[in-house]
């Protein structure tokens, strides 16, 4: 996609289409850095953010059970010591 730099006060900016912002998962705060002549914009949300709260919610609703039965492996049978 091509875009034009627009004047914003003493700075310049680029307008990003809403579908592109949504596809990239960008929210209000982003990280911006320059790498090899490119400007990189990434979400500043940390990976797995919210997982602890989701796990607690699943536990409270008894949804944190194993789907399959536990199976042993060669490691379990030959290496693992209790």
N, C-alpha and C. Protein backbone atom coordinates (compact mmCIF):
# COMPACT_ATOMS: atom_id res chain seq x y z
N UNK A 1 0.84 -1.17 0.00
CA UNK A 1 0.00 0.00 0.00
C UNK A 1 0.89 1.24 0.00
N UNK A 2 0.56 2.21 -0.78
CA UNK A 2 1.29 3.46 -0.80
C UNK A 2 0.49 4.49 0.00
N UNK A 3 1.21 5.42 0.62
CA UNK A 3 0.56 6.48 1.40
C UNK A 3 1.41 7.73 1.30
N UNK A 4 0.84 8.85 1.64
CA UNK A 4 1.55 10.13 1.65
C UNK A 4 1.77 10.56 3.09
N UNK A 5 2.90 11.21 3.33
CA UNK A 5 3.14 11.83 4.63
C UNK A 5 2.31 13.11 4.69
N UNK A 6 1.61 13.33 5.79
CA UNK A 6 0.80 14.53 5.97
C UNK A 6 1.39 15.37 7.09
N UNK A 7 1.22 16.67 6.99
CA UNK A 7 1.73 17.60 8.00
C UNK A 7 0.84 17.52 9.24
N UNK A 8 1.45 17.35 10.42
CA UNK A 8 0.76 17.37 11.70
C UNK A 8 1.57 18.26 12.61
N UNK A 9 1.22 19.54 12.67
CA UNK A 9 2.02 20.51 13.42
C UNK A 9 3.42 20.58 12.83
N UNK A 10 4.44 20.41 13.68
CA UNK A 10 5.82 20.42 13.21
C UNK A 10 6.29 19.02 12.78
N UNK A 11 5.40 18.05 12.87
CA UNK A 11 5.75 16.67 12.53
C UNK A 11 5.03 16.25 11.26
N UNK A 12 5.26 15.03 10.86
CA UNK A 12 4.54 14.45 9.73
C UNK A 12 4.05 13.08 10.13
N UNK A 13 2.97 12.67 9.53
CA UNK A 13 2.38 11.39 9.89
C UNK A 13 1.83 10.65 8.69
N UNK A 14 1.41 9.42 8.92
CA UNK A 14 0.80 8.58 7.90
C UNK A 14 -0.55 8.11 8.44
N UNK A 15 -1.58 8.20 7.63
CA UNK A 15 -2.89 7.68 8.02
C UNK A 15 -2.93 6.19 7.69
N UNK A 16 -3.34 5.39 8.67
CA UNK A 16 -3.44 3.95 8.46
C UNK A 16 -4.91 3.55 8.37
N UNK A 17 -5.28 2.76 7.37
CA UNK A 17 -6.68 2.32 7.26
C UNK A 17 -7.08 1.45 8.45
N UNK A 18 -8.33 1.59 8.88
CA UNK A 18 -8.84 0.85 10.03
C UNK A 18 -8.65 -0.67 9.88
N UNK A 19 -8.96 -1.26 8.71
CA UNK A 19 -8.76 -2.72 8.59
C UNK A 19 -7.31 -3.14 8.80
N UNK A 20 -6.37 -2.30 8.38
CA UNK A 20 -4.96 -2.62 8.57
C UNK A 20 -4.59 -2.56 10.05
N UNK A 21 -5.10 -1.58 10.76
CA UNK A 21 -4.85 -1.46 12.20
C UNK A 21 -5.42 -2.67 12.94
N UNK A 22 -6.64 -3.05 12.57
CA UNK A 22 -7.27 -4.20 13.23
C UNK A 22 -6.52 -5.49 12.92
N UNK A 23 -6.09 -5.67 11.67
CA UNK A 23 -5.36 -6.89 11.30
C UNK A 23 -4.05 -7.00 12.06
N UNK A 24 -3.39 -5.86 12.30
CA UNK A 24 -2.13 -5.85 13.03
C UNK A 24 -2.33 -5.95 14.54
N UNK A 25 -3.58 -5.82 15.01
CA UNK A 25 -3.85 -5.91 16.45
C UNK A 25 -3.36 -4.70 17.22
N UNK A 26 -3.32 -3.53 16.56
CA UNK A 26 -2.83 -2.32 17.22
C UNK A 26 -3.94 -1.70 18.07
N UNK A 27 -3.56 -1.20 19.23
CA UNK A 27 -4.49 -0.49 20.12
C UNK A 27 -4.02 0.95 20.21
N UNK A 28 -4.35 1.64 21.30
CA UNK A 28 -4.00 3.06 21.45
C UNK A 28 -2.51 3.29 21.56
N UNK A 29 -1.79 2.43 22.24
CA UNK A 29 -0.35 2.60 22.42
C UNK A 29 0.39 1.59 21.55
N UNK A 30 1.41 2.09 20.84
CA UNK A 30 2.22 1.23 19.97
C UNK A 30 3.70 1.49 20.23
N UNK A 31 4.53 0.59 19.79
CA UNK A 31 5.98 0.77 19.81
C UNK A 31 6.41 1.10 18.39
N UNK A 32 7.31 2.08 18.25
CA UNK A 32 7.80 2.49 16.94
C UNK A 32 9.33 2.48 16.99
N UNK A 33 9.96 1.86 15.99
CA UNK A 33 11.41 1.92 15.89
C UNK A 33 11.83 1.89 14.42
N UNK A 34 13.04 2.30 14.18
CA UNK A 34 13.60 2.33 12.83
C UNK A 34 14.57 1.17 12.69
N UNK A 35 14.47 0.47 11.56
CA UNK A 35 15.37 -0.65 11.30
C UNK A 35 15.66 -0.68 9.80
N UNK A 36 16.91 -0.52 9.47
CA UNK A 36 17.38 -0.63 8.08
C UNK A 36 16.53 0.21 7.12
N UNK A 37 16.32 1.48 7.48
CA UNK A 37 15.60 2.39 6.60
C UNK A 37 14.10 2.23 6.60
N UNK A 38 13.56 1.43 7.50
CA UNK A 38 12.11 1.24 7.61
C UNK A 38 11.63 1.67 8.98
N UNK A 39 10.41 2.13 9.05
CA UNK A 39 9.77 2.44 10.33
C UNK A 39 8.86 1.28 10.67
N UNK A 40 9.09 0.68 11.82
CA UNK A 40 8.33 -0.50 12.25
C UNK A 40 7.39 -0.07 13.37
N UNK A 41 6.10 -0.35 13.20
CA UNK A 41 5.08 -0.06 14.22
C UNK A 41 4.55 -1.40 14.71
N UNK A 42 4.64 -1.65 16.00
CA UNK A 42 4.14 -2.91 16.56
C UNK A 42 3.28 -2.62 17.79
N UNK A 43 2.43 -3.56 18.10
CA UNK A 43 1.61 -3.45 19.30
C UNK A 43 2.53 -3.54 20.51
N UNK A 44 2.27 -2.74 21.52
CA UNK A 44 3.10 -2.83 22.71
C UNK A 44 2.49 -3.76 23.75
N UNK A 45 1.42 -4.45 23.38
CA UNK A 45 0.86 -5.45 24.28
C UNK A 45 1.83 -6.63 24.35
N UNK A 46 2.09 -7.09 25.53
CA UNK A 46 3.01 -8.20 25.71
C UNK A 46 2.32 -9.51 25.33
N UNK A 47 3.10 -10.41 24.74
CA UNK A 47 2.54 -11.71 24.41
C UNK A 47 2.03 -12.38 25.68
N UNK A 48 0.93 -13.05 25.53
CA UNK A 48 0.28 -13.79 26.61
C UNK A 48 -0.30 -12.88 27.68
N UNK A 49 -0.42 -11.58 27.39
CA UNK A 49 -1.04 -10.71 28.39
C UNK A 49 -2.50 -11.14 28.54
N UNK A 50 -2.95 -11.20 29.75
CA UNK A 50 -4.32 -11.62 30.03
C UNK A 50 -4.49 -13.11 30.25
N UNK A 51 -3.42 -13.89 30.02
CA UNK A 51 -3.55 -15.33 30.18
C UNK A 51 -3.83 -15.72 31.63
N UNK A 52 -3.22 -15.05 32.59
CA UNK A 52 -3.42 -15.41 33.99
C UNK A 52 -4.88 -15.21 34.38
N UNK A 53 -5.46 -14.10 33.95
CA UNK A 53 -6.87 -13.83 34.27
C UNK A 53 -7.77 -14.86 33.60
N UNK A 54 -7.45 -15.23 32.36
CA UNK A 54 -8.24 -16.24 31.65
C UNK A 54 -8.15 -17.58 32.35
N UNK A 55 -6.97 -17.94 32.82
CA UNK A 55 -6.79 -19.21 33.53
C UNK A 55 -7.60 -19.23 34.82
N UNK A 56 -7.60 -18.13 35.54
CA UNK A 56 -8.40 -18.05 36.77
C UNK A 56 -9.89 -18.18 36.46
N UNK A 57 -10.33 -17.50 35.39
CA UNK A 57 -11.74 -17.57 35.00
C UNK A 57 -12.11 -19.00 34.62
N UNK A 58 -11.23 -19.68 33.86
CA UNK A 58 -11.49 -21.07 33.48
C UNK A 58 -11.57 -21.95 34.72
N UNK A 59 -10.66 -21.74 35.68
CA UNK A 59 -10.65 -22.54 36.90
C UNK A 59 -11.95 -22.33 37.67
N UNK A 60 -12.39 -21.09 37.78
CA UNK A 60 -13.63 -20.79 38.51
C UNK A 60 -14.85 -21.42 37.86
N UNK A 61 -14.80 -21.66 36.55
CA UNK A 61 -15.91 -22.29 35.84
C UNK A 61 -15.66 -23.78 35.59
N UNK A 62 -14.63 -24.33 36.25
CA UNK A 62 -14.28 -25.76 36.12
C UNK A 62 -14.04 -26.13 34.66
N UNK A 63 -13.39 -25.23 33.91
CA UNK A 63 -13.10 -25.47 32.50
C UNK A 63 -11.61 -25.74 32.28
N UNK A 64 -10.87 -26.01 33.34
CA UNK A 64 -9.43 -26.19 33.22
C UNK A 64 -9.02 -27.65 33.37
N UNK A 65 -9.83 -28.54 32.85
CA UNK A 65 -9.52 -29.96 32.93
C UNK A 65 -8.80 -30.40 31.65
N UNK A 66 -8.05 -31.51 31.74
CA UNK A 66 -7.38 -32.06 30.57
C UNK A 66 -8.41 -32.63 29.60
N UNK A 67 -8.19 -32.40 28.32
CA UNK A 67 -9.10 -32.93 27.31
C UNK A 67 -8.85 -34.42 27.11
N UNK A 68 -7.59 -34.81 27.09
CA UNK A 68 -7.21 -36.21 26.90
C UNK A 68 -6.59 -36.75 28.19
N UNK A 69 -6.61 -38.05 28.32
CA UNK A 69 -5.94 -38.68 29.45
C UNK A 69 -4.43 -38.50 29.30
N UNK A 70 -3.74 -38.39 30.41
CA UNK A 70 -2.29 -38.27 30.39
C UNK A 70 -1.69 -39.58 29.89
N UNK A 71 -0.70 -39.51 29.02
CA UNK A 71 -0.03 -40.71 28.52
C UNK A 71 1.45 -40.63 28.89
N UNK A 72 2.03 -41.77 29.17
CA UNK A 72 3.44 -41.78 29.54
C UNK A 72 4.31 -41.83 28.30
N UNK A 73 5.54 -41.38 28.47
CA UNK A 73 6.51 -41.39 27.38
C UNK A 73 7.70 -42.24 27.80
N UNK A 74 8.63 -42.45 26.90
CA UNK A 74 9.85 -43.19 27.22
C UNK A 74 10.59 -42.48 28.35
N UNK A 75 10.62 -41.16 28.32
CA UNK A 75 11.26 -40.41 29.41
C UNK A 75 10.61 -40.74 30.75
N UNK A 76 9.27 -40.77 30.76
CA UNK A 76 8.56 -41.09 32.00
C UNK A 76 8.93 -42.48 32.52
N UNK A 77 9.08 -43.41 31.61
CA UNK A 77 9.32 -44.80 32.00
C UNK A 77 10.78 -45.09 32.35
N UNK A 78 11.73 -44.37 31.74
CA UNK A 78 13.13 -44.72 31.96
C UNK A 78 13.94 -43.66 32.70
N UNK A 79 13.59 -42.39 32.60
CA UNK A 79 14.40 -41.32 33.14
C UNK A 79 13.84 -40.68 34.39
N UNK A 80 12.56 -40.51 34.45
CA UNK A 80 11.94 -39.75 35.52
C UNK A 80 11.97 -40.51 36.84
N UNK A 81 12.40 -39.84 37.89
CA UNK A 81 12.41 -40.45 39.22
C UNK A 81 11.61 -39.58 40.17
N UNK A 82 10.71 -40.17 40.93
CA UNK A 82 9.93 -39.43 41.93
C UNK A 82 10.70 -39.34 43.20
